[in-house]
Protein backbone atom coordinates (compact mmCIF):
# COMPACT_ATOMS: atom_id res chain seq x y z
CA MET A 1 52.66 -79.95 130.47
CA PRO A 2 51.57 -83.16 132.27
CA PRO A 3 54.27 -84.47 134.66
CA ASP A 4 54.55 -87.77 132.80
CA ALA A 5 55.29 -85.91 129.55
CA ALA A 6 58.21 -83.93 130.98
CA LEU A 7 61.84 -84.69 130.16
CA PRO A 8 63.74 -84.11 133.42
CA TYR A 9 67.43 -83.26 133.55
CA GLY A 10 68.08 -86.81 134.79
CA ARG A 11 66.14 -89.78 136.11
CA GLN A 12 67.09 -93.22 137.38
CA SER A 13 65.73 -96.41 135.82
CA ILE A 14 64.53 -98.74 138.59
CA GLY A 15 62.77 -101.99 137.72
CA ASP A 16 60.93 -104.64 139.69
CA ASP A 17 64.11 -106.74 139.71
CA ASP A 18 65.97 -103.92 141.47
CA VAL A 19 63.21 -103.60 144.06
CA ALA A 20 63.28 -107.36 144.63
CA ALA A 21 67.06 -107.33 145.07
CA VAL A 22 66.84 -104.59 147.70
CA ALA A 23 63.95 -106.30 149.48
CA ALA A 24 65.92 -109.56 149.64
CA ALA A 25 68.95 -107.72 151.04
CA LEU A 26 66.77 -106.16 153.75
CA ARG A 27 65.90 -109.69 154.91
CA ASP A 28 69.56 -110.78 155.04
CA ASP A 29 71.59 -110.94 158.25
CA PHE A 30 73.81 -108.05 157.15
CA LEU A 31 72.48 -104.65 156.19
CA THR A 32 76.05 -103.29 156.02
CA THR A 33 79.66 -104.61 156.07
CA GLY A 34 78.38 -107.94 154.77
CA PRO A 35 78.93 -110.21 151.76
CA LYS A 36 77.03 -108.06 149.23
CA VAL A 37 79.78 -105.44 149.39
CA GLU A 38 82.52 -107.80 148.22
CA ALA A 39 80.19 -109.34 145.65
CA PHE A 40 79.48 -105.92 144.15
CA GLU A 41 83.17 -105.00 144.16
CA THR A 42 84.12 -108.25 142.42
CA ALA A 43 81.42 -107.92 139.78
CA PHE A 44 82.25 -104.28 139.11
CA ALA A 45 85.99 -104.97 138.75
CA GLU A 46 85.24 -107.73 136.26
CA ARG A 47 82.87 -105.48 134.30
CA VAL A 48 85.40 -102.66 133.78
CA GLY A 49 88.48 -104.88 133.52
CA ALA A 50 90.07 -103.77 136.79
CA ARG A 51 92.15 -105.89 139.13
CA CYS A 52 90.60 -104.42 142.29
CA ALA A 53 87.51 -102.36 143.12
CA VAL A 54 86.57 -100.77 146.44
CA ALA A 55 83.01 -99.59 147.08
CA CYS A 56 82.32 -96.44 149.07
CA ALA A 57 79.61 -93.98 150.03
CA ASN A 58 79.56 -91.77 146.91
CA GLY A 59 81.70 -90.36 144.12
CA THR A 60 83.08 -87.60 146.34
CA ALA A 61 84.19 -90.23 148.87
CA ALA A 62 85.81 -92.18 146.03
CA LEU A 63 87.89 -89.12 145.08
CA HIS A 64 88.76 -88.25 148.69
CA LEU A 65 89.78 -91.82 149.50
CA SER A 66 91.96 -91.81 146.38
CA MET A 67 93.86 -88.78 147.65
CA LEU A 68 94.27 -90.27 151.12
CA ALA A 69 95.36 -93.67 149.84
CA LEU A 70 98.07 -92.06 147.71
CA GLY A 71 99.33 -90.04 150.68
CA VAL A 72 98.49 -86.67 149.13
CA GLY A 73 98.76 -83.99 151.79
CA GLU A 74 100.18 -80.69 152.96
CA GLY A 75 102.99 -79.36 150.80
CA ASP A 76 101.63 -81.15 147.72
CA ALA A 77 99.75 -79.76 144.75
CA CYS A 78 97.35 -81.48 142.37
CA VAL A 79 96.17 -80.43 138.92
CA VAL A 80 92.40 -80.29 138.39
CA PRO A 81 90.51 -78.93 135.35
CA SER A 82 88.29 -75.97 136.17
CA ILE A 83 85.31 -77.41 134.30
CA THR A 84 84.18 -80.13 136.68
CA PHE A 85 81.98 -80.60 139.72
CA LEU A 86 83.21 -79.04 142.96
CA ALA A 87 84.15 -82.42 144.45
CA THR A 88 87.16 -82.95 142.15
CA ALA A 89 88.93 -79.91 143.56
CA ASN A 90 87.51 -80.23 147.07
CA CYS A 91 88.94 -83.73 147.57
CA VAL A 92 92.43 -82.27 147.06
CA ARG A 93 91.85 -79.56 149.66
CA LEU A 94 90.26 -82.03 152.09
CA ALA A 95 93.51 -84.01 151.91
CA GLY A 96 95.46 -80.84 152.75
CA ALA A 97 97.03 -80.24 149.32
CA GLU A 98 96.69 -77.22 147.04
CA VAL A 99 94.74 -77.14 143.76
CA ILE A 100 96.29 -75.95 140.52
CA PHE A 101 93.47 -75.32 138.09
CA ALA A 102 94.00 -76.31 134.46
CA ASP A 103 92.18 -74.88 131.49
CA ILE A 104 90.14 -77.01 129.07
CA ASP A 105 89.46 -77.32 125.37
CA PRO A 106 86.20 -75.34 124.95
CA ALA A 107 85.03 -77.67 122.18
CA THR A 108 85.24 -80.84 124.31
CA GLY A 109 85.32 -79.51 127.87
CA LEU A 110 88.30 -81.78 128.57
CA MET A 111 91.69 -80.98 130.07
CA THR A 112 94.33 -81.36 127.35
CA PRO A 113 98.01 -82.29 127.72
CA GLN A 114 98.87 -78.69 126.74
CA ALA A 115 96.59 -77.32 129.47
CA LEU A 116 98.19 -79.70 131.96
CA GLU A 117 101.67 -78.47 131.01
CA ALA A 118 100.53 -74.85 131.41
CA ALA A 119 99.10 -75.61 134.86
CA VAL A 120 102.33 -77.31 135.93
CA ALA A 121 104.25 -74.20 134.85
CA ARG A 122 102.15 -72.24 137.38
CA ALA A 123 102.95 -74.64 140.22
CA GLY A 124 105.72 -72.42 141.56
CA GLY A 125 108.05 -75.33 142.18
CA ARG A 126 105.59 -77.25 144.38
CA ARG A 127 105.58 -81.03 144.08
CA ILE A 128 102.77 -82.27 141.84
CA ALA A 129 101.41 -85.28 143.69
CA ALA A 130 98.48 -86.11 141.42
CA VAL A 131 96.81 -85.17 138.17
CA LEU A 132 93.02 -85.59 138.03
CA PRO A 133 91.71 -85.74 134.45
CA VAL A 134 87.93 -85.45 134.38
CA HIS A 135 86.09 -87.51 131.77
CA LEU A 136 83.43 -84.86 131.31
CA ARG A 137 80.03 -86.08 130.03
CA GLY A 138 81.60 -89.56 129.63
CA GLU A 139 84.10 -88.39 127.00
CA VAL A 140 87.62 -89.52 127.80
CA CYS A 141 90.72 -87.34 128.09
CA ASP A 142 93.95 -88.04 126.21
CA LEU A 143 95.13 -90.44 128.89
CA PRO A 144 98.41 -91.67 127.32
CA ALA A 145 99.69 -88.12 126.90
CA ILE A 146 98.49 -87.05 130.36
CA ALA A 147 100.04 -90.18 131.93
CA GLU A 148 103.35 -89.45 130.21
CA ILE A 149 103.47 -85.95 131.67
CA ALA A 150 102.46 -87.21 135.11
CA ASP A 151 105.13 -89.89 135.00
CA ARG A 152 107.76 -87.28 134.18
CA LEU A 153 106.62 -85.28 137.21
CA GLY A 154 106.51 -88.31 139.50
CA ALA A 155 102.79 -87.72 139.93
CA HIS A 156 99.90 -90.18 140.10
CA VAL A 157 97.02 -90.10 137.61
CA VAL A 158 93.63 -90.31 139.33
CA GLU A 159 90.81 -90.45 136.79
CA ASP A 160 87.62 -88.69 137.78
CA ALA A 161 85.42 -91.18 135.94
CA CYS A 162 82.21 -90.25 137.77
CA HIS A 163 80.59 -89.47 134.39
CA ALA A 164 82.22 -92.28 132.46
CA LEU A 165 81.02 -95.71 133.54
CA GLY A 166 80.78 -97.76 130.36
CA SER A 167 82.92 -95.43 128.24
CA GLU A 168 85.57 -97.02 126.05
CA VAL A 169 88.73 -95.74 124.39
CA SER A 170 91.06 -96.75 121.59
CA PHE A 171 94.56 -95.32 121.69
CA THR A 172 96.96 -96.48 118.92
CA GLY A 173 94.69 -99.43 118.21
CA VAL A 174 94.60 -100.63 121.83
CA GLN A 175 91.03 -100.76 123.12
CA SER A 176 90.24 -100.46 126.80
CA GLN A 177 87.51 -99.47 129.22
CA VAL A 178 87.48 -96.54 131.59
CA GLY A 179 88.36 -97.94 134.99
CA ASP A 180 90.78 -100.65 133.91
CA ASN A 181 93.69 -98.52 135.27
CA ARG A 182 95.75 -98.95 132.14
CA TYR A 183 96.84 -95.30 132.31
CA GLY A 184 96.41 -94.35 135.96
CA ALA A 185 96.79 -95.43 139.56
CA LEU A 186 93.12 -95.03 140.46
CA ALA A 187 89.75 -94.31 138.86
CA ALA A 188 86.77 -92.93 140.80
CA PHE A 189 83.13 -93.63 139.88
CA SER A 190 79.75 -92.35 141.05
CA PHE A 191 76.41 -94.16 141.25
CA HIS A 192 74.23 -91.08 141.83
CA PRO A 193 70.73 -91.50 140.35
CA VAL A 194 71.51 -89.41 137.24
CA LYS A 195 74.56 -91.54 136.36
CA THR A 196 74.61 -94.55 134.00
CA MET A 197 73.55 -96.88 136.83
CA THR A 198 72.65 -96.15 140.42
CA THR A 199 72.90 -97.38 144.00
CA ALA A 200 70.86 -94.30 145.12
CA GLU A 201 74.13 -92.88 146.46
CA GLY A 202 77.40 -94.71 146.06
CA GLY A 203 80.87 -94.77 144.59
CA MET A 204 83.69 -97.06 143.58
CA VAL A 205 87.47 -96.82 143.22
CA THR A 206 89.36 -99.17 140.91
CA THR A 207 93.08 -99.88 140.99
CA ALA A 208 95.59 -102.39 139.70
CA ASP A 209 97.53 -102.23 142.99
CA PRO A 210 96.28 -104.65 145.70
CA LYS A 211 98.18 -102.68 148.38
CA LEU A 212 96.32 -99.52 147.41
CA ALA A 213 93.05 -101.45 147.49
CA THR A 214 93.81 -102.68 151.00
CA ARG A 215 94.54 -99.15 152.15
CA LEU A 216 91.37 -97.82 150.51
CA LYS A 217 89.32 -100.41 152.41
CA ARG A 218 91.01 -99.52 155.68
CA LEU A 219 90.53 -95.78 155.16
CA ARG A 220 86.82 -96.15 154.30
CA SER A 221 86.26 -97.72 157.74
CA HIS A 222 87.92 -95.37 160.23
CA GLY A 223 91.47 -96.61 159.54
CA MET A 224 90.73 -99.69 161.65
CA GLU A 225 92.17 -103.13 161.05
CA ARG A 226 92.18 -106.48 162.82
CA THR A 227 95.09 -108.90 162.73
CA ALA A 228 94.66 -112.66 162.47
CA ASP A 229 96.94 -113.40 165.43
CA SER A 230 95.24 -110.96 167.82
CA GLU A 231 92.44 -111.50 170.29
CA PRO A 232 89.04 -111.70 168.54
CA TRP A 233 87.97 -108.37 170.04
CA TRP A 234 91.18 -106.50 169.26
CA TYR A 235 91.47 -103.76 166.64
CA GLU A 236 94.00 -101.06 165.92
CA MET A 237 93.91 -97.74 164.11
CA ALA A 238 97.26 -97.25 162.40
CA GLU A 239 96.05 -94.11 160.60
CA ILE A 240 92.98 -91.95 160.75
CA GLY A 241 90.15 -92.83 158.38
CA LEU A 242 86.47 -92.10 157.79
CA ASN A 243 83.15 -93.89 157.62
CA TYR A 244 82.80 -94.03 153.83
CA ARG A 245 81.22 -97.49 153.68
CA LEU A 246 78.52 -98.49 151.18
CA PRO A 247 75.81 -100.65 152.84
CA ASP A 248 74.91 -104.14 151.62
CA VAL A 249 71.40 -102.97 150.77
CA LEU A 250 72.76 -100.44 148.28
CA CYS A 251 75.33 -102.93 146.98
CA ALA A 252 72.43 -105.30 146.25
CA LEU A 253 70.86 -102.55 144.15
CA GLY A 254 74.23 -102.02 142.46
CA LEU A 255 74.55 -105.68 141.58
CA SER A 256 71.08 -105.67 140.03
CA GLN A 257 71.76 -102.47 138.08
CA LEU A 258 75.17 -103.72 136.94
CA GLY A 259 73.45 -106.64 135.24
CA LYS A 260 71.58 -104.12 133.06
CA LEU A 261 74.51 -101.80 132.41
CA SER A 262 74.95 -102.78 128.75
CA HIS A 263 71.27 -101.98 128.12
CA PHE A 264 71.60 -98.59 129.87
CA ILE A 265 74.70 -97.73 127.83
CA GLU A 266 73.12 -98.61 124.50
CA ARG A 267 69.98 -96.63 125.33
CA ARG A 268 72.08 -93.56 126.18
CA ARG A 269 73.99 -93.89 122.92
CA ARG A 270 70.74 -94.21 120.97
CA LEU A 271 69.28 -91.13 122.66
CA ALA A 272 72.47 -89.17 121.94
CA ARG A 273 72.19 -90.00 118.25
CA LEU A 274 68.58 -88.79 118.22
CA TYR A 275 69.57 -85.52 119.87
CA GLU A 276 72.42 -85.00 117.40
CA GLU A 277 70.05 -85.50 114.46
CA ALA A 278 67.39 -83.18 115.92
CA LEU A 279 69.89 -80.45 116.79
CA ALA A 280 71.78 -80.49 113.47
CA PRO A 281 69.47 -77.93 111.73
CA LEU A 282 70.14 -75.43 114.56
CA ALA A 283 73.86 -75.13 113.77
CA PRO A 284 75.83 -72.92 114.13
CA LEU A 285 73.73 -71.35 116.91
CA VAL A 286 73.58 -74.70 118.71
CA ARG A 287 76.42 -77.18 118.47
CA PRO A 288 76.93 -80.41 120.41
CA ALA A 289 80.18 -80.67 122.33
CA THR A 290 82.92 -82.37 120.32
CA SER A 291 83.88 -86.00 120.86
CA PRO A 292 87.61 -86.88 120.66
CA ALA A 293 88.53 -89.41 117.98
CA TRP A 294 89.69 -92.01 120.53
CA SER A 295 86.59 -91.82 122.73
CA ARG A 296 83.49 -94.05 122.53
CA PRO A 297 81.49 -92.65 125.41
CA ALA A 298 78.51 -93.82 127.37
CA LEU A 299 77.30 -90.25 127.71
CA HIS A 300 76.23 -89.05 131.13
CA LEU A 301 75.28 -85.65 129.68
CA MET A 302 74.04 -84.48 126.29
CA THR A 303 75.84 -81.14 126.12
CA VAL A 304 75.30 -78.35 123.61
CA ARG A 305 77.13 -75.05 123.21
CA ILE A 306 74.75 -72.20 122.41
CA ASP A 307 75.76 -68.85 120.89
CA PHE A 308 73.33 -66.84 122.99
CA ALA A 309 74.49 -63.48 121.62
CA ALA A 310 73.88 -64.54 118.02
CA ALA A 311 70.55 -66.10 118.98
CA GLY A 312 69.46 -62.88 120.69
CA ARG A 313 68.41 -64.74 123.83
CA SER A 314 69.97 -65.08 127.25
CA ARG A 315 70.87 -68.43 128.79
CA ALA A 316 68.28 -67.90 131.52
CA ALA A 317 65.57 -67.16 128.94
CA VAL A 318 66.37 -70.30 126.97
CA MET A 319 66.35 -72.46 130.12
CA ARG A 320 63.03 -70.98 131.23
CA ARG A 321 61.48 -71.63 127.81
CA LEU A 322 62.78 -75.22 127.80
CA SER A 323 61.29 -75.71 131.26
CA ALA A 324 57.94 -74.38 130.05
CA GLU A 325 58.07 -77.01 127.30
CA GLY A 326 58.79 -79.72 129.89
CA VAL A 327 62.49 -80.08 129.10
CA GLY A 328 64.93 -79.99 132.01
CA SER A 329 68.36 -78.46 131.52
CA GLN A 330 71.41 -77.53 133.58
CA VAL A 331 74.79 -75.80 133.24
CA HIS A 332 77.89 -78.00 133.47
CA TYR A 333 79.74 -76.35 135.06
CA ILE A 334 80.36 -72.95 136.56
CA PRO A 335 84.19 -72.91 136.42
CA VAL A 336 85.45 -74.03 139.83
CA HIS A 337 88.26 -71.46 139.89
CA ARG A 338 85.54 -68.77 139.99
CA GLN A 339 83.94 -70.13 143.17
CA PRO A 340 84.34 -67.71 146.11
CA TYR A 341 86.40 -70.13 148.22
CA TYR A 342 88.96 -70.77 145.47
CA ARG A 343 89.00 -67.18 144.24
CA LYS A 344 89.83 -66.05 147.78
CA ARG A 345 92.56 -68.69 148.11
CA TYR A 346 94.20 -68.40 144.69
CA GLY A 347 93.08 -65.07 143.29
CA THR A 348 91.77 -64.41 139.79
CA LEU A 349 92.95 -66.85 137.12
CA ASP A 350 92.91 -66.45 133.36
CA LEU A 351 91.51 -69.70 131.93
CA PRO A 352 89.90 -68.69 128.62
CA GLY A 353 88.78 -72.18 127.61
CA ALA A 354 86.88 -72.66 130.86
CA GLU A 355 85.39 -69.18 130.62
CA ALA A 356 84.23 -69.86 127.06
């Protein structure tokens, strides 16, 4: 199979305009901590309907900063679905809190309100500081129901929207975009090359709370701040932070890519429709993951569920054959509660939806 005929698992779309934007940024006075950062944040907030947006180094940093900005720490617990990337759970542990893994609906891969309630029941009386619904593949969780439960618990909703840039929802006739913070305190995005748009590496956090945005910006730069009435060289660190900044050069790429986001979204939707049509004759051995009625996704992943036993082939054999035909594939995801670190910390859990 010639390399140019292969269909990789994921690939960025970089045009001459993106290259020109990066080249221009390289000639600017600021390669980092300059005006391109704020310009990207402003444009991104406007695009998703958010009040505030804070750029950072990657999607993992966006999730970690969210935990820190909310004050999540030791003695707290946070609910995370087991079908997600490692970073969703790891950001909770990095903040010092404990993870309570929730099961998922095996048809959609999403954490349901019922699974959230079941996870809370296993909390052992610990305070639930945050609930992290993961918009897997770009499909959106039942946010109103999840937000209602979180509100009852006094917990924050932090949307892991790393797959979901451009996804839209309609709950009870009210349309909104993922990232507008209608149902949660914060939403975290990723700009990894396989996502809807890219900054090579990069992330963003959106919020409707300007005070949270200010704290996010302080935490992404070592916890440092300068006061207007101080000496020009003076700075103070009121709390410990990290270097999670996104350079101007990458923000310039983000601005260029953001201008093409609608095109990227429509192309993904068109490709998804083609896959659905091509896969239909393979049912019931191969079935696309289910889309909730309220969700209009910009799919990050085209996911199928395969009955390997009925097909008489192993997963590994199918993936090897696809690779031989030039088609990349991946598994999303190995349940996080089965990872050695979490199994050692929390023991064996029975989450049948995630296992399925």
